[in-house]
């Protein structure tokens, strides 16, 4: 995948170089035509004018070819990027849909546990905001109350739950979501054995 991305970038860079090269050739063709016009006015020989017209024609054809080729490459790259973006967006939507059920279940489990601890509505709201990672000051701003009130509600929540702080509150709910330490260490050992 990385190699494909690198070659795609190289192709795009090559397209940019072709586009500049095509522009240069077209500029040479235009300047040559200006020179032909001046030569015609000054009475230069027809063979010299024919040579310069040939140069202008070759440069024009080359410039148009390079521009056309670089535009094709860029269009192809854009189509590829569009496909990749649509695929990534679809994957993100699938993940959101899959995670929505899990998160809804987790939210319901947290609410049930808060009810078991007999938390007030305010304590439950503070608990949810703590679990989302907000500081006491941020919670006070969200709830339009004082930081002192939030601290008091958090302390009451911890006491009712038999916990000491926000880290223990988070750990209480996250512990079951993570692999047990024994399973994790076995997985690590297995992967180390596979590498050797």
C-alpha atoms as a PDB file:
ATOM      1  CA  UNK A   1       0.000   0.000   0.000  1.00  0.00           C
ATOM      2  CA  UNK A   2       2.826   2.378   0.900  1.00  0.00           C
ATOM      3  CA  UNK A   3       4.642   1.498  -2.297  1.00  0.00           C
ATOM      4  CA  UNK A   4       1.485   2.234  -4.301  1.00  0.00           C
ATOM      5  CA  UNK A   5       1.086   5.551  -2.507  1.00  0.00           C
ATOM      6  CA  UNK A   6       4.724   6.430  -3.187  1.00  0.00           C
ATOM      7  CA  UNK A   7       4.409   5.543  -6.874  1.00  0.00           C
ATOM      8  CA  UNK A   8       1.171   7.553  -7.007  1.00  0.00           C
ATOM      9  CA  UNK A   9       2.980  10.545  -5.538  1.00  0.00           C
ATOM     10  CA  UNK A  10       5.838  10.082  -7.991  1.00  0.00           C
ATOM     11  CA  UNK A  11       3.325   9.936 -10.850  1.00  0.00           C
ATOM     12  CA  UNK A  12       1.675  13.126  -9.624  1.00  0.00           C
ATOM     13  CA  UNK A  13       5.078  14.797  -9.328  1.00  0.00           C
ATOM     14  CA  UNK A  14       5.849  13.610 -12.868  1.00  0.00           C
ATOM     15  CA  UNK A  15       2.543  15.066 -14.027  1.00  0.00           C
ATOM     16  CA  UNK A  16       3.489  18.401 -12.491  1.00  0.00           C
ATOM     17  CA  UNK A  17       6.853  18.300 -14.253  1.00  0.00           C
ATOM     18  CA  UNK A  18       5.137  17.446 -17.555  1.00  0.00           C
ATOM     19  CA  UNK A  19       2.693  20.293 -17.054  1.00  0.00           C
ATOM     20  CA  UNK A  20       5.560  22.760 -16.496  1.00  0.00           C
ATOM     21  CA  UNK A  21       7.465  21.291 -19.443  1.00  0.00           C
ATOM     22  CA  UNK A  22       4.365  21.603 -21.645  1.00  0.00           C
ATOM     23  CA  UNK A  23       3.931  25.207 -20.562  1.00  0.00           C
ATOM     24  CA  UNK A  24       7.555  25.909 -21.414  1.00  0.00           C
ATOM     25  CA  UNK A  25       7.148  24.370 -24.880  1.00  0.00           C
ATOM     26  CA  UNK A  26       4.012  26.423 -25.514  1.00  0.00           C
ATOM     27  CA  UNK A  27       5.843  29.560 -24.387  1.00  0.00           C
ATOM     28  CA  UNK A  28       8.662  28.756 -26.825  1.00  0.00           C
ATOM     29  CA  UNK A  29       6.047  28.262 -29.578  1.00  0.00           C
ATOM     30  CA  UNK A  30       4.434  31.647 -28.823  1.00  0.00           C
ATOM     31  CA  UNK A  31       7.782  33.448 -28.721  1.00  0.00           C
ATOM     32  CA  UNK A  32       8.782  31.740 -31.959  1.00  0.00           C
ATOM     33  CA  UNK A  33       5.542  32.910 -33.620  1.00  0.00           C
ATOM     34  CA  UNK A  34       6.223  36.459 -32.424  1.00  0.00           C
ATOM     35  CA  UNK A  35       9.697  36.181 -33.938  1.00  0.00           C
ATOM     36  CA  UNK A  36       8.185  34.837 -37.193  1.00  0.00           C
ATOM     37  CA  UNK A  37       5.874  37.847 -37.343  1.00  0.00           C
ATOM     38  CA  UNK A  38       8.806  40.233 -36.793  1.00  0.00           C
ATOM     39  CA  UNK A  39      10.911  38.335 -39.342  1.00  0.00           C
ATOM     40  CA  UNK A  40       8.061  38.543 -41.875  1.00  0.00           C
ATOM     41  CA  UNK A  41       7.812  42.312 -41.395  1.00  0.00           C
ATOM     42  CA  UNK A  42      11.581  42.746 -41.744  1.00  0.00           C
ATOM     43  CA  UNK A  43      11.716  40.646 -44.909  1.00  0.00           C
ATOM     44  CA  UNK A  44      13.605  37.553 -43.669  1.00  0.00           C
ATOM     45  CA  UNK A  45      13.917  34.637 -46.079  1.00  0.00           C
ATOM     46  CA  UNK A  46      11.034  32.197 -46.408  1.00  0.00           C
ATOM     47  CA  UNK A  47      13.260  29.233 -45.523  1.00  0.00           C
ATOM     48  CA  UNK A  48      14.128  30.862 -42.172  1.00  0.00           C
ATOM     49  CA  UNK A  49      10.437  31.618 -41.526  1.00  0.00           C
ATOM     50  CA  UNK A  50       9.509  28.020 -42.479  1.00  0.00           C
ATOM     51  CA  UNK A  51      12.104  26.680 -40.051  1.00  0.00           C
ATOM     52  CA  UNK A  52      10.761  28.861 -37.237  1.00  0.00           C
ATOM     53  CA  UNK A  53       7.167  27.874 -38.046  1.00  0.00           C
ATOM     54  CA  UNK A  54       8.238  24.215 -37.876  1.00  0.00           C
ATOM     55  CA  UNK A  55       9.828  24.821 -34.471  1.00  0.00           C
ATOM     56  CA  UNK A  56       6.657  26.588 -33.274  1.00  0.00           C
ATOM     57  CA  UNK A  57       4.489  23.702 -34.534  1.00  0.00           C
ATOM     58  CA  UNK A  58       6.668  21.036 -32.889  1.00  0.00           C
ATOM     59  CA  UNK A  59       6.743  22.973 -29.594  1.00  0.00           C
ATOM     60  CA  UNK A  60       2.955  23.490 -29.717  1.00  0.00           C
ATOM     61  CA  UNK A  61       2.301  19.800 -30.354  1.00  0.00           C
ATOM     62  CA  UNK A  62       4.743  18.798 -27.600  1.00  0.00           C
ATOM     63  CA  UNK A  63       3.251  21.306 -25.141  1.00  0.00           C
ATOM     64  CA  UNK A  64      -0.309  20.151 -25.804  1.00  0.00           C
ATOM     65  CA  UNK A  65       0.776  16.501 -25.518  1.00  0.00           C
ATOM     66  CA  UNK A  66       2.493  17.069 -22.163  1.00  0.00           C
ATOM     67  CA  UNK A  67      -0.462  19.059 -20.813  1.00  0.00           C
ATOM     68  CA  UNK A  68      -2.927  16.435 -21.983  1.00  0.00           C
ATOM     69  CA  UNK A  69      -0.842  13.617 -20.450  1.00  0.00           C
ATOM     70  CA  UNK A  70      -0.415  15.405 -17.109  1.00  0.00           C
ATOM     71  CA  UNK A  71      -4.138  16.187 -16.927  1.00  0.00           C
ATOM     72  CA  UNK A  72      -4.944  12.508 -17.553  1.00  0.00           C
ATOM     73  CA  UNK A  73      -2.589  11.473 -14.750  1.00  0.00           C
ATOM     74  CA  UNK A  74      -4.063  14.043 -12.359  1.00  0.00           C
ATOM     75  CA  UNK A  75      -7.639  13.005 -13.226  1.00  0.00           C
ATOM     76  CA  UNK A  76      -6.741   9.361 -12.626  1.00  0.00           C
ATOM     77  CA  UNK A  77      -5.122  10.254  -9.289  1.00  0.00           C
ATOM     78  CA  UNK A  78      -8.211  12.269  -8.292  1.00  0.00           C
ATOM     79  CA  UNK A  79     -10.496   9.325  -9.124  1.00  0.00           C
ATOM     80  CA  UNK A  80      -8.263   7.032  -7.060  1.00  0.00           C
ATOM     81  CA  UNK A  81      -8.281   9.442  -4.122  1.00  0.00           C
ATOM     82  CA  UNK A  82     -12.058   9.818  -4.379  1.00  0.00           C
ATOM     83  CA  UNK A  83     -12.470   6.011  -4.264  1.00  0.00           C
ATOM     84  CA  UNK A  84     -10.145   5.760  -1.262  1.00  0.00           C
ATOM     85  CA  UNK A  85     -11.967   8.580   0.514  1.00  0.00           C
ATOM     86  CA  UNK A  86     -15.375   6.984  -0.127  1.00  0.00           C
ATOM     87  CA  UNK A  87     -14.036   3.655   1.167  1.00  0.00           C
ATOM     88  CA  UNK A  88     -12.572   5.314   4.287  1.00  0.00           C
ATOM     89  CA  UNK A  89     -15.835   7.177   4.920  1.00  0.00           C
ATOM     90  CA  UNK A  90     -17.805   3.948   4.518  1.00  0.00           C
ATOM     91  CA  UNK A  91     -15.462   2.201   6.963  1.00  0.00           C
ATOM     92  CA  UNK A  92     -15.881   5.066   9.443  1.00  0.00           C
ATOM     93  CA  UNK A  93     -19.669   4.906   9.108  1.00  0.00           C
ATOM     94  CA  UNK A  94     -19.636   1.122   9.640  1.00  0.00           C
ATOM     95  CA  UNK A  95     -17.456   1.589  12.727  1.00  0.00           C
ATOM     96  CA  UNK A  96     -19.798   4.274  14.068  1.00  0.00           C
ATOM     97  CA  UNK A  97     -22.798   2.018  13.490  1.00  0.00           C
ATOM     98  CA  UNK A  98     -21.071  -0.943  15.150  1.00  0.00           C
ATOM     99  CA  UNK A  99     -19.805   1.191  18.019  1.00  0.00           C
ATOM    100  CA  UNK A 100     -23.173   2.934  18.520  1.00  0.00           C
ATOM    101  CA  UNK A 101     -24.744  -0.232  19.919  1.00  0.00           C
ATOM    102  CA  UNK A 102     -21.739  -0.887  22.139  1.00  0.00           C
ATOM    103  CA  UNK A 103     -21.611   2.719  23.357  1.00  0.00           C
ATOM    104  CA  UNK A 104     -25.352   2.771  23.978  1.00  0.00           C
ATOM    105  CA  UNK A 105     -24.983  -0.422  25.999  1.00  0.00           C
ATOM    106  CA  UNK A 106     -22.048   1.044  27.896  1.00  0.00           C
ATOM    107  CA  UNK A 107     -24.010   4.230  28.602  1.00  0.00           C
ATOM    108  CA  UNK A 108     -26.937   2.181  29.881  1.00  0.00           C
ATOM    109  CA  UNK A 109     -24.615   0.078  32.065  1.00  0.00           C
ATOM    110  CA  UNK A 110     -23.035   3.213  33.522  1.00  0.00           C
ATOM    111  CA  UNK A 111     -26.480   4.700  34.247  1.00  0.00           C
ATOM    112  CA  UNK A 112     -27.581   1.459  35.961  1.00  0.00           C
ATOM    113  CA  UNK A 113     -24.473   1.477  38.114  1.00  0.00           C
ATOM    114  CA  UNK A 114     -25.035   5.136  39.011  1.00  0.00           C
ATOM    115  CA  UNK A 115     -28.586   4.169  40.061  1.00  0.00           C
ATOM    116  CA  UNK A 116     -27.212   1.313  42.208  1.00  0.00           C
ATOM    117  CA  UNK A 117     -24.963   3.823  43.944  1.00  0.00           C
ATOM    118  CA  UNK A 118     -28.044   6.025  44.566  1.00  0.00           C
ATOM    119  CA  UNK A 119     -26.474   9.042  42.903  1.00  0.00           C
ATOM    120  CA  UNK A 120     -28.528  12.202  42.500  1.00  0.00           C
ATOM    121  CA  UNK A 121     -29.224  13.488  39.002  1.00  0.00           C
ATOM    122  CA  UNK A 122     -26.524  16.142  39.428  1.00  0.00           C
ATOM    123  CA  UNK A 123     -23.995  13.566  40.656  1.00  0.00           C
ATOM    124  CA  UNK A 124     -24.798  11.330  37.687  1.00  0.00           C
ATOM    125  CA  UNK A 125     -24.288  14.206  35.262  1.00  0.00           C
ATOM    126  CA  UNK A 126     -20.991  15.122  36.926  1.00  0.00           C
ATOM    127  CA  UNK A 127     -19.951  11.451  36.817  1.00  0.00           C
ATOM    128  CA  UNK A 128     -20.669  11.184  33.088  1.00  0.00           C
ATOM    129  CA  UNK A 129     -18.701  14.365  32.392  1.00  0.00           C
ATOM    130  CA  UNK A 130     -15.805  13.105  34.509  1.00  0.00           C
ATOM    131  CA  UNK A 131     -15.820   9.864  32.515  1.00  0.00           C
ATOM    132  CA  UNK A 132     -15.686  11.938  29.318  1.00  0.00           C
ATOM    133  CA  UNK A 133     -12.475  13.510  30.646  1.00  0.00           C
ATOM    134  CA  UNK A 134     -13.661  17.002  31.577  1.00  0.00           C
ATOM    135  CA  UNK A 135     -11.963  18.853  34.418  1.00  0.00           C
ATOM    136  CA  UNK A 136     -13.961  20.193  37.367  1.00  0.00           C
ATOM    137  CA  UNK A 137     -13.684  23.696  35.897  1.00  0.00           C
ATOM    138  CA  UNK A 138     -14.958  22.510  32.499  1.00  0.00           C
ATOM    139  CA  UNK A 139     -17.830  20.647  34.160  1.00  0.00           C
ATOM    140  CA  UNK A 140     -18.733  23.786  36.113  1.00  0.00           C
ATOM    141  CA  UNK A 141     -18.782  25.764  32.851  1.00  0.00           C
ATOM    142  CA  UNK A 142     -20.956  23.163  31.108  1.00  0.00           C
ATOM    143  CA  UNK A 143     -23.371  22.891  34.039  1.00  0.00           C
ATOM    144  CA  UNK A 144     -23.326  26.658  34.727  1.00  0.00           C
ATOM    145  CA  UNK A 145     -22.387  26.206  38.360  1.00  0.00           C
ATOM    146  CA  UNK A 146     -19.307  26.779  40.488  1.00  0.00           C
ATOM    147  CA  UNK A 147     -16.242  24.604  40.532  1.00  0.00           C
ATOM    148  CA  UNK A 148     -16.708  24.209  44.283  1.00  0.00           C
ATOM    149  CA  UNK A 149     -20.172  22.705  43.721  1.00  0.00           C
ATOM    150  CA  UNK A 150     -18.775  20.286  41.130  1.00  0.00           C
ATOM    151  CA  UNK A 151     -15.990  19.228  43.530  1.00  0.00           C
ATOM    152  CA  UNK A 152     -18.539  18.600  46.265  1.00  0.00           C
ATOM    153  CA  UNK A 153     -20.730  16.525  43.905  1.00  0.00           C
ATOM    154  CA  UNK A 154     -17.703  14.545  42.674  1.00  0.00           C
ATOM    155  CA  UNK A 155     -16.588  13.873  46.261  1.00  0.00           C
ATOM    156  CA  UNK A 156     -20.107  12.680  47.126  1.00  0.00           C
ATOM    157  CA  UNK A 157     -20.138  10.439  44.027  1.00  0.00           C
ATOM    158  CA  UNK A 158     -16.781   8.881  44.983  1.00  0.00           C
ATOM    159  CA  UNK A 159     -17.962   8.291  48.566  1.00  0.00           C
ATOM    160  CA  UNK A 160     -21.224   6.613  47.489  1.00  0.00           C
ATOM    161  CA  UNK A 161     -19.314   4.451  44.989  1.00  0.00           C
ATOM    162  CA  UNK A 162     -16.572   3.520  47.447  1.00  0.00           C
ATOM    163  CA  UNK A 163     -13.948   5.028  45.165  1.00  0.00           C
ATOM    164  CA  UNK A 164     -11.247   7.601  45.859  1.00  0.00           C
ATOM    165  CA  UNK A 165     -10.924   9.651  42.665  1.00  0.00           C
ATOM    166  CA  UNK A 166     -11.677  10.074  38.962  1.00  0.00           C
ATOM    167  CA  UNK A 167      -9.030   7.526  37.960  1.00  0.00           C
ATOM    168  CA  UNK A 168     -10.744   4.838  40.031  1.00  0.00           C
ATOM    169  CA  UNK A 169     -14.138   5.869  38.631  1.00  0.00           C
ATOM    170  CA  UNK A 170     -12.847   5.468  35.069  1.00  0.00           C
ATOM    171  CA  UNK A 171     -11.091   2.217  35.917  1.00  0.00           C
ATOM    172  CA  UNK A 172     -14.306   0.849  37.442  1.00  0.00           C
ATOM    173  CA  UNK A 173     -16.065   1.073  34.074  1.00  0.00           C
ATOM    174  CA  UNK A 174     -13.112   0.372  31.762  1.00  0.00           C
ATOM    175  CA  UNK A 175     -11.701  -2.645  33.553  1.00  0.00           C
ATOM    176  CA  UNK A 176     -14.159  -5.091  31.973  1.00  0.00           C
ATOM    177  CA  UNK A 177     -13.602  -3.670  28.501  1.00  0.00           C
ATOM    178  CA  UNK A 178      -9.901  -4.491  28.492  1.00  0.00           C
ATOM    179  CA  UNK A 179      -8.237  -7.873  28.245  1.00  0.00           C
ATOM    180  CA  UNK A 180      -7.245  -9.329  31.605  1.00  0.00           C
ATOM    181  CA  UNK A 181      -3.569  -8.941  32.465  1.00  0.00           C
ATOM    182  CA  UNK A 182      -2.993 -12.711  32.191  1.00  0.00           C
ATOM    183  CA  UNK A 183      -4.501 -12.840  28.695  1.00  0.00           C
ATOM    184  CA  UNK A 184      -2.524  -9.778  27.637  1.00  0.00           C
ATOM    185  CA  UNK A 185       0.761 -11.212  28.896  1.00  0.00           C
ATOM    186  CA  UNK A 186       0.018 -14.558  27.196  1.00  0.00           C
ATOM    187  CA  UNK A 187      -0.722 -12.753  23.928  1.00  0.00           C
ATOM    188  CA  UNK A 188       2.535 -10.799  24.236  1.00  0.00           C
ATOM    189  CA  UNK A 189       4.495 -13.999  24.949  1.00  0.00           C
ATOM    190  CA  UNK A 190       2.886 -15.758  21.978  1.00  0.00           C
ATOM    191  CA  UNK A 191       3.715 -12.896  19.623  1.00  0.00           C
ATOM    192  CA  UNK A 192       7.316 -12.866  20.891  1.00  0.00           C
ATOM    193  CA  UNK A 193       7.556 -16.634  20.336  1.00  0.00           C
ATOM    194  CA  UNK A 194       6.168 -16.253  16.796  1.00  0.00           C
ATOM    195  CA  UNK A 195       8.776 -13.595  15.970  1.00  0.00           C
ATOM    196  CA  UNK A 196      11.634 -15.833  17.094  1.00  0.00           C
END
